[in-house]
Amino acid sequence: MNIKKLKKMSSIAALKYITKDSILGIGTGSTVITFIKQLKKVSNFIRGVVSSSKISSFYLKKYNIKIFDSREIDNIEIYIDGTDEINDNMQMIKGGGGALTGEKILAGMSKTFVCIADFTKKVSILGKNNPVPIEIISISYSFVKKKIIELGGYPVLRKNFFTDYNNIIIDVYNLFLKDPVKIEKKINNIPGVVTVGIFSIRKADVALISHKNKIEEIKK
């Protein structure tokens, strides 16, 4: 199984969703880096992009793709991002790379959210294979940790890591999400939480899932 090839397949498939003179939202992660490499081939077709993270901005600059400040943009027509896990309802866990806050903002700004992934990211229940990342203000660590344990999760501080906004991340294990919307709302309401990497309220509109010999296109 060639994961690199699968990432390229879904990245190429996403290009058809790009419209002329549009401004794209760009997520973060290894699949997105693969997409950016494909995007450079059609960069003259678009006005530019809004980036979700410093690392994505680094690659966009590397390929001379124009970056807009999100504060200058009211909405985004298409947002393209990868995922850590995605279920049959197009709900996701994201934030393994630590850019969940920027990703959630751009997803919320977008008219259409296109998720690009390989078939290994599909799960029946979110949280089965990956922890749920939560970006928090550092002073709230003990309090948030206690509240997450009360929800049945096992929180672990992501060591030596700070987000683009100088916050910390806890990765929550054993938080199987049979009702992702309910848990997303509960965690977001804990004081000190910036955002949680559950994308169930603003979920994907389109998922492009690469398999060995085909692209599975799912629309909600």
C-alpha atoms as a PDB file:
ATOM      1  CA  MET A   1       0.000   0.000   0.000  1.00  0.00           C
ATOM      2  CA  ASN A   2       1.591   3.225  -1.203  1.00  0.00           C
ATOM      3  CA  ILE A   3       0.171   5.975   1.039  1.00  0.00           C
ATOM      4  CA  LYS A   4       2.117   8.654  -0.815  1.00  0.00           C
ATOM      5  CA  LYS A   5       0.417   7.642  -4.054  1.00  0.00           C
ATOM      6  CA  LEU A   6      -3.000   7.610  -2.386  1.00  0.00           C
ATOM      7  CA  LYS A   7      -2.465  11.160  -1.081  1.00  0.00           C
ATOM      8  CA  LYS A   8      -1.539  12.299  -4.565  1.00  0.00           C
ATOM      9  CA  MET A   9      -4.664  10.684  -6.027  1.00  0.00           C
ATOM     10  CA  SER A  10      -7.044  12.485  -3.669  1.00  0.00           C
ATOM     11  CA  SER A  11      -5.127  15.756  -4.111  1.00  0.00           C
ATOM     12  CA  ILE A  12      -5.468  15.622  -7.892  1.00  0.00           C
ATOM     13  CA  ALA A  13      -9.155  14.759  -7.563  1.00  0.00           C
ATOM     14  CA  ALA A  14      -9.720  17.911  -5.471  1.00  0.00           C
ATOM     15  CA  LEU A  15      -8.497  20.194  -8.255  1.00  0.00           C
ATOM     16  CA  LYS A  16     -11.798  19.853 -10.120  1.00  0.00           C
ATOM     17  CA  TYR A  17     -13.567  21.691  -7.314  1.00  0.00           C
ATOM     18  CA  ILE A  18     -11.498  24.822  -7.832  1.00  0.00           C
ATOM     19  CA  THR A  19     -13.280  27.615  -9.676  1.00  0.00           C
ATOM     20  CA  LYS A  20     -11.681  30.376 -11.708  1.00  0.00           C
ATOM     21  CA  ASP A  21     -10.584  33.527  -9.831  1.00  0.00           C
ATOM     22  CA  SER A  22     -11.607  32.034  -6.480  1.00  0.00           C
ATOM     23  CA  ILE A  23      -9.908  32.273  -3.104  1.00  0.00           C
ATOM     24  CA  LEU A  24      -9.314  28.876  -1.529  1.00  0.00           C
ATOM     25  CA  GLY A  25      -8.986  27.902   2.078  1.00  0.00           C
ATOM     26  CA  ILE A  26      -6.080  25.531   2.712  1.00  0.00           C
ATOM     27  CA  GLY A  27      -5.763  23.190   5.681  1.00  0.00           C
ATOM     28  CA  THR A  28      -2.695  21.598   7.245  1.00  0.00           C
ATOM     29  CA  GLY A  29      -0.972  18.217   7.201  1.00  0.00           C
ATOM     30  CA  SER A  30       0.941  15.858   4.953  1.00  0.00           C
ATOM     31  CA  THR A  31      -1.981  15.330   2.564  1.00  0.00           C
ATOM     32  CA  VAL A  32      -2.431  19.101   2.251  1.00  0.00           C
ATOM     33  CA  ILE A  33       1.265  19.519   1.456  1.00  0.00           C
ATOM     34  CA  THR A  34       0.747  17.012  -1.364  1.00  0.00           C
ATOM     35  CA  PHE A  35      -2.263  19.049  -2.517  1.00  0.00           C
ATOM     36  CA  ILE A  36      -0.273  22.298  -2.473  1.00  0.00           C
ATOM     37  CA  LYS A  37       2.265  20.686  -4.817  1.00  0.00           C
ATOM     38  CA  GLN A  38      -0.594  19.967  -7.230  1.00  0.00           C
ATOM     39  CA  LEU A  39      -2.135  23.399  -6.722  1.00  0.00           C
ATOM     40  CA  LYS A  40       1.006  25.118  -7.966  1.00  0.00           C
ATOM     41  CA  LYS A  41       0.222  23.734 -11.440  1.00  0.00           C
ATOM     42  CA  VAL A  42      -3.017  25.759 -11.578  1.00  0.00           C
ATOM     43  CA  SER A  43      -2.090  28.683  -9.332  1.00  0.00           C
ATOM     44  CA  ASN A  44      -2.662  31.166 -12.181  1.00  0.00           C
ATOM     45  CA  PHE A  45      -6.275  29.975 -12.317  1.00  0.00           C
ATOM     46  CA  ILE A  46      -7.096  31.260  -8.813  1.00  0.00           C
ATOM     47  CA  ARG A  47      -6.763  34.589  -7.006  1.00  0.00           C
ATOM     48  CA  GLY A  48      -4.952  32.997  -4.080  1.00  0.00           C
ATOM     49  CA  VAL A  49      -5.482  31.161  -0.816  1.00  0.00           C
ATOM     50  CA  VAL A  50      -6.103  31.666   2.883  1.00  0.00           C
ATOM     51  CA  SER A  51      -3.851  29.461   4.984  1.00  0.00           C
ATOM     52  CA  SER A  52      -4.738  27.689   8.231  1.00  0.00           C
ATOM     53  CA  SER A  53      -1.204  27.510   9.635  1.00  0.00           C
ATOM     54  CA  LYS A  54       2.375  28.702   9.460  1.00  0.00           C
ATOM     55  CA  ILE A  55       3.554  25.366   8.059  1.00  0.00           C
ATOM     56  CA  SER A  56       1.056  25.490   5.179  1.00  0.00           C
ATOM     57  CA  SER A  57       2.016  29.118   4.525  1.00  0.00           C
ATOM     58  CA  PHE A  58       5.646  27.989   4.271  1.00  0.00           C
ATOM     59  CA  TYR A  59       4.814  25.584   1.438  1.00  0.00           C
ATOM     60  CA  LEU A  60       2.487  28.040  -0.291  1.00  0.00           C
ATOM     61  CA  LYS A  61       5.268  30.633  -0.328  1.00  0.00           C
ATOM     62  CA  LYS A  62       7.710  28.009  -1.549  1.00  0.00           C
ATOM     63  CA  TYR A  63       5.549  27.511  -4.641  1.00  0.00           C
ATOM     64  CA  ASN A  64       4.802  31.225  -5.068  1.00  0.00           C
ATOM     65  CA  ILE A  65       1.074  30.895  -4.398  1.00  0.00           C
ATOM     66  CA  LYS A  66      -0.505  34.155  -3.236  1.00  0.00           C
ATOM     67  CA  ILE A  67      -1.677  34.142   0.389  1.00  0.00           C
ATOM     68  CA  PHE A  68      -4.497  36.365   1.660  1.00  0.00           C
ATOM     69  CA  ASP A  69      -4.886  37.401   5.286  1.00  0.00           C
ATOM     70  CA  SER A  70      -8.075  35.824   6.662  1.00  0.00           C
ATOM     71  CA  ARG A  71      -8.947  39.173   8.267  1.00  0.00           C
ATOM     72  CA  GLU A  72      -9.341  40.604   4.772  1.00  0.00           C
ATOM     73  CA  ILE A  73     -11.713  37.865   3.585  1.00  0.00           C
ATOM     74  CA  ASP A  74     -15.425  37.568   4.400  1.00  0.00           C
ATOM     75  CA  ASN A  75     -15.957  34.050   3.100  1.00  0.00           C
ATOM     76  CA  ILE A  76     -14.227  31.246   1.235  1.00  0.00           C
ATOM     77  CA  GLU A  77     -15.834  29.385  -1.627  1.00  0.00           C
ATOM     78  CA  ILE A  78     -13.876  26.141  -1.197  1.00  0.00           C
ATOM     79  CA  TYR A  79     -11.907  24.849   1.787  1.00  0.00           C
ATOM     80  CA  ILE A  80      -9.641  21.853   1.171  1.00  0.00           C
ATOM     81  CA  ASP A  81      -8.124  19.862   4.015  1.00  0.00           C
ATOM     82  CA  GLY A  82      -7.161  16.381   5.110  1.00  0.00           C
ATOM     83  CA  THR A  83      -8.287  14.493   8.192  1.00  0.00           C
ATOM     84  CA  ASP A  84      -7.110  12.121  10.903  1.00  0.00           C
ATOM     85  CA  GLU A  85     -10.384  10.196  10.856  1.00  0.00           C
ATOM     86  CA  ILE A  86     -13.691  10.491   8.994  1.00  0.00           C
ATOM     87  CA  ASN A  87     -16.919   8.551   9.518  1.00  0.00           C
ATOM     88  CA  ASP A  88     -19.843   7.769   7.211  1.00  0.00           C
ATOM     89  CA  ASN A  89     -21.615  10.968   8.299  1.00  0.00           C
ATOM     90  CA  MET A  90     -18.679  13.113   7.052  1.00  0.00           C
ATOM     91  CA  GLN A  91     -17.757  14.012  10.647  1.00  0.00           C
ATOM     92  CA  MET A  92     -14.060  14.095  11.472  1.00  0.00           C
ATOM     93  CA  ILE A  93     -11.261  14.214  13.995  1.00  0.00           C
ATOM     94  CA  LYS A  94      -8.614  16.730  12.966  1.00  0.00           C
ATOM     95  CA  GLY A  95      -5.696  18.485  14.588  1.00  0.00           C
ATOM     96  CA  GLY A  96      -2.947  15.878  14.646  1.00  0.00           C
ATOM     97  CA  GLY A  97      -0.672  18.573  13.243  1.00  0.00           C
ATOM     98  CA  GLY A  98      -1.814  21.085  15.858  1.00  0.00           C
ATOM     99  CA  ALA A  99      -3.588  23.511  13.513  1.00  0.00           C
ATOM    100  CA  LEU A 100      -7.161  22.665  14.525  1.00  0.00           C
ATOM    101  CA  THR A 101      -8.158  26.221  15.462  1.00  0.00           C
ATOM    102  CA  GLY A 102      -7.102  27.729  12.146  1.00  0.00           C
ATOM    103  CA  GLU A 103      -8.671  24.791  10.327  1.00  0.00           C
ATOM    104  CA  LYS A 104     -11.977  25.150  12.150  1.00  0.00           C
ATOM    105  CA  ILE A 105     -12.113  28.890  11.432  1.00  0.00           C
ATOM    106  CA  LEU A 106     -11.537  28.410   7.701  1.00  0.00           C
ATOM    107  CA  ALA A 107     -13.955  25.492   7.545  1.00  0.00           C
ATOM    108  CA  GLY A 108     -16.563  27.736   9.160  1.00  0.00           C
ATOM    109  CA  MET A 109     -15.885  30.496   6.636  1.00  0.00           C
ATOM    110  CA  SER A 110     -16.226  28.187   3.653  1.00  0.00           C
ATOM    111  CA  LYS A 111     -19.202  27.500   1.426  1.00  0.00           C
ATOM    112  CA  THR A 112     -17.936  24.011   0.559  1.00  0.00           C
ATOM    113  CA  PHE A 113     -15.573  21.892   2.662  1.00  0.00           C
ATOM    114  CA  VAL A 114     -13.721  19.273   0.630  1.00  0.00           C
ATOM    115  CA  CYS A 115     -11.933  16.593   2.649  1.00  0.00           C
ATOM    116  CA  ILE A 116      -9.122  14.689   0.936  1.00  0.00           C
ATOM    117  CA  ALA A 117      -7.980  11.420   2.490  1.00  0.00           C
ATOM    118  CA  ASP A 118      -6.992   7.829   1.861  1.00  0.00           C
ATOM    119  CA  PHE A 119      -9.150   4.851   2.782  1.00  0.00           C
ATOM    120  CA  THR A 120      -7.228   4.174   6.014  1.00  0.00           C
ATOM    121  CA  LYS A 121      -8.812   7.313   7.510  1.00  0.00           C
ATOM    122  CA  LYS A 122     -12.374   5.950   7.270  1.00  0.00           C
ATOM    123  CA  VAL A 123     -13.767   4.664  10.571  1.00  0.00           C
ATOM    124  CA  SER A 124     -17.130   3.569  11.913  1.00  0.00           C
ATOM    125  CA  ILE A 125     -16.694   5.411  15.231  1.00  0.00           C
ATOM    126  CA  LEU A 126     -14.509   8.503  15.639  1.00  0.00           C
ATOM    127  CA  GLY A 127     -11.781   8.199  18.251  1.00  0.00           C
ATOM    128  CA  LYS A 128     -11.171   4.549  17.504  1.00  0.00           C
ATOM    129  CA  ASN A 129      -7.685   5.003  16.047  1.00  0.00           C
ATOM    130  CA  ASN A 130      -6.675   8.550  16.964  1.00  0.00           C
ATOM    131  CA  PRO A 131      -6.860  10.775  20.034  1.00  0.00           C
ATOM    132  CA  VAL A 132      -9.034  13.893  20.033  1.00  0.00           C
ATOM    133  CA  PRO A 133      -6.822  17.038  20.135  1.00  0.00           C
ATOM    134  CA  ILE A 134      -7.962  19.998  22.222  1.00  0.00           C
ATOM    135  CA  GLU A 135      -6.251  23.380  22.060  1.00  0.00           C
ATOM    136  CA  ILE A 136      -6.383  25.086  25.457  1.00  0.00           C
ATOM    137  CA  ILE A 137      -5.017  28.122  27.270  1.00  0.00           C
ATOM    138  CA  SER A 138      -2.151  26.874  29.431  1.00  0.00           C
ATOM    139  CA  ILE A 139      -3.543  28.251  32.723  1.00  0.00           C
ATOM    140  CA  SER A 140      -6.609  26.024  32.295  1.00  0.00           C
ATOM    141  CA  TYR A 141      -4.687  22.753  31.945  1.00  0.00           C
ATOM    142  CA  SER A 142      -5.568  21.165  35.324  1.00  0.00           C
ATOM    143  CA  PHE A 143      -9.204  22.246  35.125  1.00  0.00           C
ATOM    144  CA  VAL A 144      -9.723  21.050  31.552  1.00  0.00           C
ATOM    145  CA  LYS A 145      -7.931  17.783  32.293  1.00  0.00           C
ATOM    146  CA  LYS A 146     -10.339  17.102  35.179  1.00  0.00           C
ATOM    147  CA  LYS A 147     -13.388  17.836  33.032  1.00  0.00           C
ATOM    148  CA  ILE A 148     -12.167  15.579  30.218  1.00  0.00           C
ATOM    149  CA  ILE A 149     -11.620  12.708  32.650  1.00  0.00           C
ATOM    150  CA  GLU A 150     -15.218  13.206  33.829  1.00  0.00           C
ATOM    151  CA  LEU A 151     -16.298  12.705  30.209  1.00  0.00           C
ATOM    152  CA  GLY A 152     -14.464   9.370  30.153  1.00  0.00           C
ATOM    153  CA  GLY A 153     -11.397  10.470  28.223  1.00  0.00           C
ATOM    154  CA  TYR A 154      -7.711  10.036  29.033  1.00  0.00           C
ATOM    155  CA  PRO A 155      -5.955  13.379  28.374  1.00  0.00           C
ATOM    156  CA  VAL A 156      -2.228  13.574  27.611  1.00  0.00           C
ATOM    157  CA  LEU A 157      -0.322  16.842  27.260  1.00  0.00           C
ATOM    158  CA  ARG A 158       1.393  17.126  23.881  1.00  0.00           C
ATOM    159  CA  LYS A 159       4.977  17.656  25.016  1.00  0.00           C
ATOM    160  CA  ASN A 160       7.166  20.484  23.744  1.00  0.00           C
ATOM    161  CA  PHE A 161       4.419  21.770  21.463  1.00  0.00           C
ATOM    162  CA  PHE A 162       2.792  25.176  21.154  1.00  0.00           C
ATOM    163  CA  THR A 163       0.220  26.160  18.566  1.00  0.00           C
ATOM    164  CA  ASP A 164       0.501  29.106  16.183  1.00  0.00           C
ATOM    165  CA  TYR A 165      -1.419  31.063  18.847  1.00  0.00           C
ATOM    166  CA  ASN A 166       0.980  30.054  21.641  1.00  0.00           C
ATOM    167  CA  ASN A 167      -1.468  27.692  23.308  1.00  0.00           C
ATOM    168  CA  ILE A 168      -0.984  24.077  24.364  1.00  0.00           C
ATOM    169  CA  ILE A 169      -2.699  20.898  23.169  1.00  0.00           C
ATOM    170  CA  ILE A 170      -3.953  17.904  25.071  1.00  0.00           C
ATOM    171  CA  ASP A 171      -4.614  14.693  23.143  1.00  0.00           C
ATOM    172  CA  VAL A 172      -7.550  12.755  24.530  1.00  0.00           C
ATOM    173  CA  TYR A 173      -7.565   8.968  24.235  1.00  0.00           C
ATOM    174  CA  ASN A 174     -10.432   6.521  24.812  1.00  0.00           C
ATOM    175  CA  LEU A 175     -13.025   9.116  23.842  1.00  0.00           C
ATOM    176  CA  PHE A 176     -15.085   7.039  21.418  1.00  0.00           C
ATOM    177  CA  LEU A 177     -17.489   9.448  19.741  1.00  0.00           C
ATOM    178  CA  LYS A 178     -20.837   7.735  19.288  1.00  0.00           C
ATOM    179  CA  ASP A 179     -22.447  11.198  19.474  1.00  0.00           C
ATOM    180  CA  PRO A 180     -19.776  13.581  18.112  1.00  0.00           C
ATOM    181  CA  VAL A 181     -21.999  16.688  18.113  1.00  0.00           C
ATOM    182  CA  LYS A 182     -22.888  16.284  21.786  1.00  0.00           C
ATOM    183  CA  ILE A 183     -19.254  15.799  22.850  1.00  0.00           C
ATOM    184  CA  GLU A 184     -18.003  18.640  20.629  1.00  0.00           C
ATOM    185  CA  LYS A 185     -20.453  21.043  22.261  1.00  0.00           C
ATOM    186  CA  LYS A 186     -19.605  19.852  25.775  1.00  0.00           C
ATOM    187  CA  ILE A 187     -15.848  20.248  25.284  1.00  0.00           C
ATOM    188  CA  ASN A 188     -16.171  23.637  23.600  1.00  0.00           C
ATOM    189  CA  ASN A 189     -18.137  24.856  26.626  1.00  0.00           C
ATOM    190  CA  ILE A 190     -15.341  24.064  29.083  1.00  0.00           C
ATOM    191  CA  PRO A 191     -13.663  27.341  30.178  1.00  0.00           C
ATOM    192  CA  GLY A 192     -10.111  27.503  28.861  1.00  0.00           C
ATOM    193  CA  VAL A 193     -10.791  25.456  25.729  1.00  0.00           C
ATOM    194  CA  VAL A 194      -9.959  27.324  22.524  1.00  0.00           C
ATOM    195  CA  THR A 195     -11.367  24.607  20.292  1.00  0.00           C
ATOM    196  CA  VAL A 196     -11.601  20.851  19.978  1.00  0.00           C
ATOM    197  CA  GLY A 197     -10.574  18.809  16.952  1.00  0.00           C
ATOM    198  CA  ILE A 198     -14.020  17.283  16.489  1.00  0.00           C
ATOM    199  CA  PHE A 199     -15.510  18.500  13.214  1.00  0.00           C
ATOM    200  CA  SER A 200     -19.100  17.310  13.548  1.00  0.00           C
ATOM    201  CA  ILE A 201     -21.073  20.552  13.574  1.00  0.00           C
ATOM    202  CA  ARG A 202     -19.184  21.972  10.582  1.00  0.00           C
ATOM    203  CA  LYS A 203     -18.427  18.715   8.832  1.00  0.00           C
ATOM    204  CA  ALA A 204     -17.221  17.983   5.310  1.00  0.00           C
ATOM    205  CA  ASP A 205     -19.528  18.595   2.346  1.00  0.00           C
ATOM    206  CA  VAL A 206     -17.466  16.399   0.057  1.00  0.00           C
ATOM    207  CA  ALA A 207     -15.011  13.607   0.838  1.00  0.00           C
ATOM    208  CA  LEU A 208     -12.549  12.353  -1.755  1.00  0.00           C
ATOM    209  CA  ILE A 209     -11.277   9.015  -0.472  1.00  0.00           C
ATOM    210  CA  SER A 210      -8.484   7.360  -2.429  1.00  0.00           C
ATOM    211  CA  HIS A 211      -8.339   3.595  -2.771  1.00  0.00           C
ATOM    212  CA  LYS A 212      -5.822   1.483  -4.647  1.00  0.00           C
ATOM    213  CA  ASN A 213      -7.469   1.893  -8.034  1.00  0.00           C
ATOM    214  CA  LYS A 214     -10.168   4.522  -7.594  1.00  0.00           C
ATOM    215  CA  ILE A 215     -11.405   7.705  -5.913  1.00  0.00           C
ATOM    216  CA  GLU A 216     -14.516   7.358  -3.799  1.00  0.00           C
ATOM    217  CA  GLU A 217     -16.459  10.625  -3.950  1.00  0.00           C
ATOM    218  CA  ILE A 218     -18.943  11.132  -1.117  1.00  0.00           C
ATOM    219  CA  LYS A 219     -21.301  14.093  -0.832  1.00  0.00           C
ATOM    220  CA  LYS A 220     -23.592  14.866   2.086  1.00  0.00           C
END
